Amino acid sequence: MGKNQHVTPHPKGGWQVKGAGNSRATVRTETQAAAIKAARGIAINKSSEVVIHRPNGQIRDKNSYGNDPYPPEG
């Protein structure tokens, strides 16, 4: 599995996508929706998870695009 992708507010305005542990943003966008879309593409490519944060930093949602050990039954 690759690094989880975090969607967080950018300090200078807008939103950013950062890989877990990275100091620099991978993508910077104007809206949270655009950042989520970019993070989803990266997470699918790396088989990782998207962690979406609120403007105050609190985690709002998580979406996994990797190999879940126990996927739910259909």
PDB file of N, CA and C in Angstrom:
ATOM      1  N   MET A   1       0.832  -1.195   0.000  1.00  0.00           N
ATOM      2  CA  MET A   1       0.000   0.000   0.000  1.00  0.00           C
ATOM      3  C   MET A   1       0.866   1.244   0.000  1.00  0.00           C
ATOM      4  N   GLY A   2       0.397   2.274  -0.716  1.00  0.00           N
ATOM      5  CA  GLY A   2       1.104   3.549  -0.770  1.00  0.00           C
ATOM      6  C   GLY A   2       0.738   4.437   0.406  1.00  0.00           C
ATOM      7  N   LYS A   3       1.231   5.656   0.360  1.00  0.00           N
ATOM      8  CA  LYS A   3       0.946   6.621   1.419  1.00  0.00           C
ATOM      9  C   LYS A   3      -0.507   7.081   1.344  1.00  0.00           C
ATOM     10  N   ASN A   4      -1.124   7.225   2.513  1.00  0.00           N
ATOM     11  CA  ASN A   4      -2.469   7.779   2.557  1.00  0.00           C
ATOM     12  C   ASN A   4      -2.424   9.226   2.097  1.00  0.00           C
ATOM     13  N   GLN A   5      -3.479   9.668   1.419  1.00  0.00           N
ATOM     14  CA  GLN A   5      -3.567  11.026   0.902  1.00  0.00           C
ATOM     15  C   GLN A   5      -4.497  11.835   1.790  1.00  0.00           C
ATOM     16  N   HIS A   6      -4.003  12.953   2.309  1.00  0.00           N
ATOM     17  CA  HIS A   6      -4.776  13.801   3.218  1.00  0.00           C
ATOM     18  C   HIS A   6      -5.220  15.064   2.493  1.00  0.00           C
ATOM     19  N   VAL A   7      -6.524  15.356   2.559  1.00  0.00           N
ATOM     20  CA  VAL A   7      -7.087  16.583   2.000  1.00  0.00           C
ATOM     21  C   VAL A   7      -7.249  17.552   3.163  1.00  0.00           C
ATOM     22  N   THR A   8      -6.474  18.642   3.132  1.00  0.00           N
ATOM     23  CA  THR A   8      -6.465  19.608   4.230  1.00  0.00           C
ATOM     24  C   THR A   8      -6.513  21.035   3.686  1.00  0.00           C
ATOM     25  N   PRO A   9      -6.910  21.993   4.539  1.00  0.00           N
ATOM     26  CA  PRO A   9      -6.861  23.385   4.096  1.00  0.00           C
ATOM     27  C   PRO A   9      -5.405  23.809   3.865  1.00  0.00           C
ATOM     28  N   HIS A  10      -5.167  24.609   2.824  1.00  0.00           N
ATOM     29  CA  HIS A  10      -3.823  25.119   2.561  1.00  0.00           C
ATOM     30  C   HIS A  10      -3.645  26.400   3.372  1.00  0.00           C
ATOM     31  N   PRO A  11      -2.478  26.597   3.986  1.00  0.00           N
ATOM     32  CA  PRO A  11      -2.272  27.790   4.821  1.00  0.00           C
ATOM     33  C   PRO A  11      -2.493  29.115   4.091  1.00  0.00           C
ATOM     34  N   LYS A  12      -2.273  29.149   2.780  1.00  0.00           N
ATOM     35  CA  LYS A  12      -2.418  30.400   2.024  1.00  0.00           C
ATOM     36  C   LYS A  12      -3.746  30.466   1.268  1.00  0.00           C
ATOM     37  N   GLY A  13      -4.701  29.626   1.631  1.00  0.00           N
ATOM     38  CA  GLY A  13      -6.005  29.622   0.995  1.00  0.00           C
ATOM     39  C   GLY A  13      -6.192  28.427   0.086  1.00  0.00           C
ATOM     40  N   GLY A  14      -7.413  28.004  -0.074  1.00  0.00           N
ATOM     41  CA  GLY A  14      -7.703  26.840  -0.889  1.00  0.00           C
ATOM     42  C   GLY A  14      -7.473  25.556  -0.112  1.00  0.00           C
ATOM     43  N   TRP A  15      -7.328  24.473  -0.875  1.00  0.00           N
ATOM     44  CA  TRP A  15      -7.163  23.142  -0.281  1.00  0.00           C
ATOM     45  C   TRP A  15      -5.961  22.451  -0.896  1.00  0.00           C
ATOM     46  N   GLN A  16      -5.417  21.471  -0.177  1.00  0.00           N
ATOM     47  CA  GLN A  16      -4.248  20.748  -0.659  1.00  0.00           C
ATOM     48  C   GLN A  16      -4.396  19.261  -0.432  1.00  0.00           C
ATOM     49  N   VAL A  17      -3.637  18.499  -1.217  1.00  0.00           N
ATOM     50  CA  VAL A  17      -3.530  17.055  -1.049  1.00  0.00           C
ATOM     51  C   VAL A  17      -2.086  16.776  -0.682  1.00  0.00           C
ATOM     52  N   LYS A  18      -1.882  16.113   0.449  1.00  0.00           N
ATOM     53  CA  LYS A  18      -0.530  15.769   0.905  1.00  0.00           C
ATOM     54  C   LYS A  18      -0.465  14.278   1.209  1.00  0.00           C
ATOM     55  N   GLY A  19       0.605  13.631   0.754  1.00  0.00           N
ATOM     56  CA  GLY A  19       0.859  12.256   1.142  1.00  0.00           C
ATOM     57  C   GLY A  19       1.247  12.214   2.608  1.00  0.00           C
ATOM     58  N   ALA A  20       0.883  11.150   3.297  1.00  0.00           N
ATOM     59  CA  ALA A  20       1.207  11.015   4.721  1.00  0.00           C
ATOM     60  C   ALA A  20       2.710  11.164   4.933  1.00  0.00           C
ATOM     61  N   GLY A  21       3.096  12.060   5.825  1.00  0.00           N
ATOM     62  CA  GLY A  21       4.495  12.278   6.153  1.00  0.00           C
ATOM     63  C   GLY A  21       5.209  13.258   5.239  1.00  0.00           C
ATOM     64  N   ASN A  22       4.581  13.696   4.168  1.00  0.00           N
ATOM     65  CA  ASN A  22       5.214  14.658   3.263  1.00  0.00           C
ATOM     66  C   ASN A  22       5.119  16.065   3.841  1.00  0.00           C
ATOM     67  N   SER A  23       6.142  16.878   3.589  1.00  0.00           N
ATOM     68  CA  SER A  23       6.120  18.248   4.070  1.00  0.00           C
ATOM     69  C   SER A  23       5.501  19.190   3.043  1.00  0.00           C
ATOM     70  N   ARG A  24       5.495  18.786   1.761  1.00  0.00           N
ATOM     71  CA  ARG A  24       4.956  19.636   0.702  1.00  0.00           C
ATOM     72  C   ARG A  24       3.697  19.014   0.105  1.00  0.00           C
ATOM     73  N   ALA A  25       2.821  19.884  -0.377  1.00  0.00           N
ATOM     74  CA  ALA A  25       1.575  19.431  -0.995  1.00  0.00           C
ATOM     75  C   ALA A  25       1.852  18.831  -2.368  1.00  0.00           C
ATOM     76  N   THR A  26       1.133  17.766  -2.697  1.00  0.00           N
ATOM     77  CA  THR A  26       1.201  17.162  -4.021  1.00  0.00           C
ATOM     78  C   THR A  26       0.366  17.984  -4.994  1.00  0.00           C
ATOM     79  N   VAL A  27      -0.815  18.422  -4.538  1.00  0.00           N
ATOM     80  CA  VAL A  27      -1.750  19.193  -5.352  1.00  0.00           C
ATOM     81  C   VAL A  27      -2.341  20.301  -4.491  1.00  0.00           C
ATOM     82  N   ARG A  28      -2.536  21.488  -5.096  1.00  0.00           N
ATOM     83  CA  ARG A  28      -3.229  22.587  -4.418  1.00  0.00           C
ATOM     84  C   ARG A  28      -4.383  23.022  -5.303  1.00  0.00           C
ATOM     85  N   THR A  29      -5.597  23.152  -4.711  1.00  0.00           N
ATOM     86  CA  THR A  29      -6.788  23.503  -5.478  1.00  0.00           C
ATOM     87  C   THR A  29      -7.548  24.630  -4.781  1.00  0.00           C
ATOM     88  N   GLU A  30      -8.517  25.191  -5.490  1.00  0.00           N
ATOM     89  CA  GLU A  30      -9.366  26.246  -4.934  1.00  0.00           C
ATOM     90  C   GLU A  30     -10.451  25.686  -4.029  1.00  0.00           C
ATOM     91  N   THR A  31     -10.987  24.502  -4.373  1.00  0.00           N
ATOM     92  CA  THR A  31     -12.108  23.953  -3.612  1.00  0.00           C
ATOM     93  C   THR A  31     -11.752  22.604  -2.995  1.00  0.00           C
ATOM     94  N   GLN A  32     -12.475  22.255  -1.945  1.00  0.00           N
ATOM     95  CA  GLN A  32     -12.275  20.966  -1.305  1.00  0.00           C
ATOM     96  C   GLN A  32     -12.694  19.834  -2.241  1.00  0.00           C
ATOM     97  N   ALA A  33     -13.760  20.044  -3.008  1.00  0.00           N
ATOM     98  CA  ALA A  33     -14.242  19.009  -3.929  1.00  0.00           C
ATOM     99  C   ALA A  33     -13.176  18.670  -4.970  1.00  0.00           C
ATOM    100  N   ALA A  34     -12.492  19.670  -5.492  1.00  0.00           N
ATOM    101  CA  ALA A  34     -11.433  19.435  -6.475  1.00  0.00           C
ATOM    102  C   ALA A  34     -10.258  18.692  -5.834  1.00  0.00           C
ATOM    103  N   ALA A  35      -9.949  19.021  -4.589  1.00  0.00           N
ATOM    104  CA  ALA A  35      -8.860  18.338  -3.881  1.00  0.00           C
ATOM    105  C   ALA A  35      -9.224  16.878  -3.617  1.00  0.00           C
ATOM    106  N   ILE A  36     -10.474  16.617  -3.271  1.00  0.00           N
ATOM    107  CA  ILE A  36     -10.928  15.244  -3.025  1.00  0.00           C
ATOM    108  C   ILE A  36     -10.832  14.429  -4.306  1.00  0.00           C
ATOM    109  N   LYS A  37     -11.232  15.020  -5.425  1.00  0.00           N
ATOM    110  CA  LYS A  37     -11.161  14.328  -6.712  1.00  0.00           C
ATOM    111  C   LYS A  37      -9.708  13.985  -7.064  1.00  0.00           C
ATOM    112  N   ALA A  38      -8.803  14.920  -6.854  1.00  0.00           N
ATOM    113  CA  ALA A  38      -7.385  14.674  -7.135  1.00  0.00           C
ATOM    114  C   ALA A  38      -6.825  13.601  -6.202  1.00  0.00           C
ATOM    115  N   ALA A  39      -7.174  13.684  -4.919  1.00  0.00           N
ATOM    116  CA  ALA A  39      -6.691  12.708  -3.930  1.00  0.00           C
ATOM    117  C   ALA A  39      -7.202  11.312  -4.251  1.00  0.00           C
ATOM    118  N   ARG A  40      -8.449  11.219  -4.715  1.00  0.00           N
ATOM    119  CA  ARG A  40      -9.032   9.924  -5.067  1.00  0.00           C
ATOM    120  C   ARG A  40      -8.241   9.269  -6.196  1.00  0.00           C
ATOM    121  N   GLY A  41      -7.895  10.041  -7.219  1.00  0.00           N
ATOM    122  CA  GLY A  41      -7.103   9.505  -8.324  1.00  0.00           C
ATOM    123  C   GLY A  41      -5.745   8.993  -7.868  1.00  0.00           C
ATOM    124  N   ILE A  42      -5.096   9.749  -6.995  1.00  0.00           N
ATOM    125  CA  ILE A  42      -3.787   9.340  -6.468  1.00  0.00           C
ATOM    126  C   ILE A  42      -3.941   8.078  -5.626  1.00  0.00           C
ATOM    127  N   ALA A  43      -4.966   8.041  -4.762  1.00  0.00           N
ATOM    128  CA  ALA A  43      -5.176   6.892  -3.876  1.00  0.00           C
ATOM    129  C   ALA A  43      -5.485   5.621  -4.660  1.00  0.00           C
ATOM    130  N   ILE A  44      -6.273   5.737  -5.724  1.00  0.00           N
ATOM    131  CA  ILE A  44      -6.566   4.572  -6.550  1.00  0.00           C
ATOM    132  C   ILE A  44      -5.285   4.055  -7.185  1.00  0.00           C
ATOM    133  N   ASN A  45      -4.465   4.970  -7.690  1.00  0.00           N
ATOM    134  CA  ASN A  45      -3.203   4.601  -8.323  1.00  0.00           C
ATOM    135  C   ASN A  45      -2.238   3.933  -7.350  1.00  0.00           C
ATOM    136  N   LYS A  46      -2.230   4.376  -6.102  1.00  0.00           N
ATOM    137  CA  LYS A  46      -1.289   3.863  -5.102  1.00  0.00           C
ATOM    138  C   LYS A  46      -1.906   2.831  -4.169  1.00  0.00           C
ATOM    139  N   SER A  47      -3.174   2.484  -4.387  1.00  0.00           N
ATOM    140  CA  SER A  47      -3.894   1.542  -3.504  1.00  0.00           C
ATOM    141  C   SER A  47      -3.797   1.973  -2.045  1.00  0.00           C
ATOM    142  N   SER A  48      -4.206   3.206  -1.785  1.00  0.00           N
ATOM    143  CA  SER A  48      -4.123   3.741  -0.428  1.00  0.00           C
ATOM    144  C   SER A  48      -5.466   4.328  -0.008  1.00  0.00           C
ATOM    145  N   GLU A  49      -5.453   5.194   0.978  1.00  0.00           N
ATOM    146  CA  GLU A  49      -6.672   5.731   1.562  1.00  0.00           C
ATOM    147  C   GLU A  49      -6.690   7.256   1.431  1.00  0.00           C
ATOM    148  N   VAL A  50      -7.882   7.828   1.272  1.00  0.00           N
ATOM    149  CA  VAL A  50      -8.058   9.278   1.276  1.00  0.00           C
ATOM    150  C   VAL A  50      -8.633   9.664   2.631  1.00  0.00           C
ATOM    151  N   VAL A  51      -7.985  10.615   3.292  1.00  0.00           N
ATOM    152  CA  VAL A  51      -8.454  11.124   4.581  1.00  0.00           C
ATOM    153  C   VAL A  51      -8.843  12.586   4.366  1.00  0.00           C
ATOM    154  N   ILE A  52     -10.127  12.882   4.533  1.00  0.00           N
ATOM    155  CA  ILE A  52     -10.645  14.227   4.290  1.00  0.00           C
ATOM    156  C   ILE A  52     -10.800  14.947   5.627  1.00  0.00           C
ATOM    157  N   HIS A  53     -10.197  16.139   5.710  1.00  0.00           N
ATOM    158  CA  HIS A  53     -10.236  16.924   6.945  1.00  0.00           C
ATOM    159  C   HIS A  53     -11.192  18.109   6.796  1.00  0.00           C
ATOM    160  N   ARG A  54     -11.742  18.552   7.909  1.00  0.00           N
ATOM    161  CA  ARG A  54     -12.568  19.765   7.944  1.00  0.00           C
ATOM    162  C   ARG A  54     -11.627  20.986   7.991  1.00  0.00           C
ATOM    163  N   PRO A  55     -12.165  22.191   7.790  1.00  0.00           N
ATOM    164  CA  PRO A  55     -11.308  23.387   7.877  1.00  0.00           C
ATOM    165  C   PRO A  55     -10.589  23.538   9.222  1.00  0.00           C
ATOM    166  N   ASN A  56     -11.169  22.985  10.304  1.00  0.00           N
ATOM    167  CA  ASN A  56     -10.524  23.080  11.616  1.00  0.00           C
ATOM    168  C   ASN A  56      -9.502  21.959  11.857  1.00  0.00           C
ATOM    169  N   GLY A  57      -9.308  21.077  10.867  1.00  0.00           N
ATOM    170  CA  GLY A  57      -8.319  20.004  10.982  1.00  0.00           C
ATOM    171  C   GLY A  57      -8.885  18.663  11.410  1.00  0.00           C
ATOM    172  N   GLN A  58     -10.114  18.652  11.909  1.00  0.00           N
ATOM    173  CA  GLN A  58     -10.756  17.415  12.351  1.00  0.00           C
ATOM    174  C   GLN A  58     -11.037  16.515  11.141  1.00  0.00           C
ATOM    175  N   ILE A  59     -10.882  15.205  11.313  1.00  0.00           N
ATOM    176  CA  ILE A  59     -11.149  14.263  10.227  1.00  0.00           C
ATOM    177  C   ILE A  59     -12.648  14.193   9.975  1.00  0.00           C
ATOM    178  N   ARG A  60     -13.037  14.387   8.719  1.00  0.00           N
ATOM    179  CA  ARG A  60     -14.444  14.370   8.315  1.00  0.00           C
ATOM    180  C   ARG A  60     -14.846  13.017   7.765  1.00  0.00           C
ATOM    181  N   ASP A  61     -13.952  12.405   6.964  1.00  0.00           N
ATOM    182  CA  ASP A  61     -14.305  11.162   6.291  1.00  0.00           C
ATOM    183  C   ASP A  61     -13.037  10.450   5.837  1.00  0.00           C
ATOM    184  N   LYS A  62     -13.155   9.137   5.611  1.00  0.00           N
ATOM    185  CA  LYS A  62     -12.061   8.324   5.071  1.00  0.00           C
ATOM    186  C   LYS A  62     -12.627   7.414   3.999  1.00  0.00           C
ATOM    187  N   ASN A  63     -11.881   7.247   2.920  1.00  0.00           N
ATOM    188  CA  ASN A  63     -12.265   6.320   1.856  1.00  0.00           C
ATOM    189  C   ASN A  63     -11.046   5.483   1.497  1.00  0.00           C
ATOM    190  N   SER A  64     -11.207   4.172   1.488  1.00  0.00           N
ATOM    191  CA  SER A  64     -10.108   3.270   1.183  1.00  0.00           C
ATOM    192  C   SER A  64     -10.191   2.802  -0.260  1.00  0.00           C
ATOM    193  N   TYR A  65      -9.069   2.859  -0.962  1.00  0.00           N
ATOM    194  CA  TYR A  65      -8.983   2.389  -2.338  1.00  0.00           C
ATOM    195  C   TYR A  65      -7.900   1.318  -2.477  1.00  0.00           C
ATOM    196  N   GLY A  66      -7.556   0.697  -1.359  1.00  0.00           N
ATOM    197  CA  GLY A  66      -6.539  -0.362  -1.368  1.00  0.00           C
ATOM    198  C   GLY A  66      -7.173  -1.722  -1.217  1.00  0.00           C
ATOM    199  N   ASN A  67      -6.364  -2.682  -0.855  1.00  0.00           N
ATOM    200  CA  ASN A  67      -6.849  -4.029  -0.616  1.00  0.00           C
ATOM    201  C   ASN A  67      -7.290  -4.154   0.831  1.00  0.00           C
ATOM    202  N   ASP A  68      -8.586  -3.995   1.059  1.00  0.00           N
ATOM    203  CA  ASP A  68      -9.109  -4.113   2.415  1.00  0.00           C
ATOM    204  C   ASP A  68      -8.996  -5.549   2.893  1.00  0.00           C
ATOM    205  N   PRO A  69      -8.502  -5.770   4.116  1.00  0.00           N
ATOM    206  CA  PRO A  69      -8.348  -7.141   4.592  1.00  0.00           C
ATOM    207  C   PRO A  69      -9.673  -7.861   4.786  1.00  0.00           C
ATOM    208  N   TYR A  70     -10.731  -7.137   5.168  1.00  0.00           N
ATOM    209  CA  TYR A  70     -12.023  -7.747   5.394  1.00  0.00           C
ATOM    210  C   TYR A  70     -13.109  -6.935   4.692  1.00  0.00           C
ATOM    211  N   PRO A  71     -13.253  -7.078   3.402  1.00  0.00           N
ATOM    212  CA  PRO A  71     -14.295  -6.292   2.717  1.00  0.00           C
ATOM    213  C   PRO A  71     -15.691  -6.738   3.151  1.00  0.00           C
ATOM    214  N   PRO A  72     -16.635  -5.806   3.178  1.00  0.00           N
ATOM    215  CA  PRO A  72     -17.996  -6.178   3.568  1.00  0.00           C
ATOM    216  C   PRO A  72     -18.644  -7.097   2.538  1.00  0.00           C
ATOM    217  N   GLU A  73     -19.549  -7.938   2.998  1.00  0.00           N
ATOM    218  CA  GLU A  73     -20.233  -8.859   2.098  1.00  0.00           C
ATOM    219  C   GLU A  73     -21.257  -8.085   1.269  1.00  0.00           C
ATOM    220  N   GLY A  74     -21.472  -8.540   0.002  1.00  0.00           N
ATOM    221  CA  GLY A  74     -22.290  -7.899  -0.990  1.00  0.00           C
ATOM    222  C   GLY A  74     -23.677  -7.666  -0.633  1.00  0.00           C
TER     223      GLY A  74
END
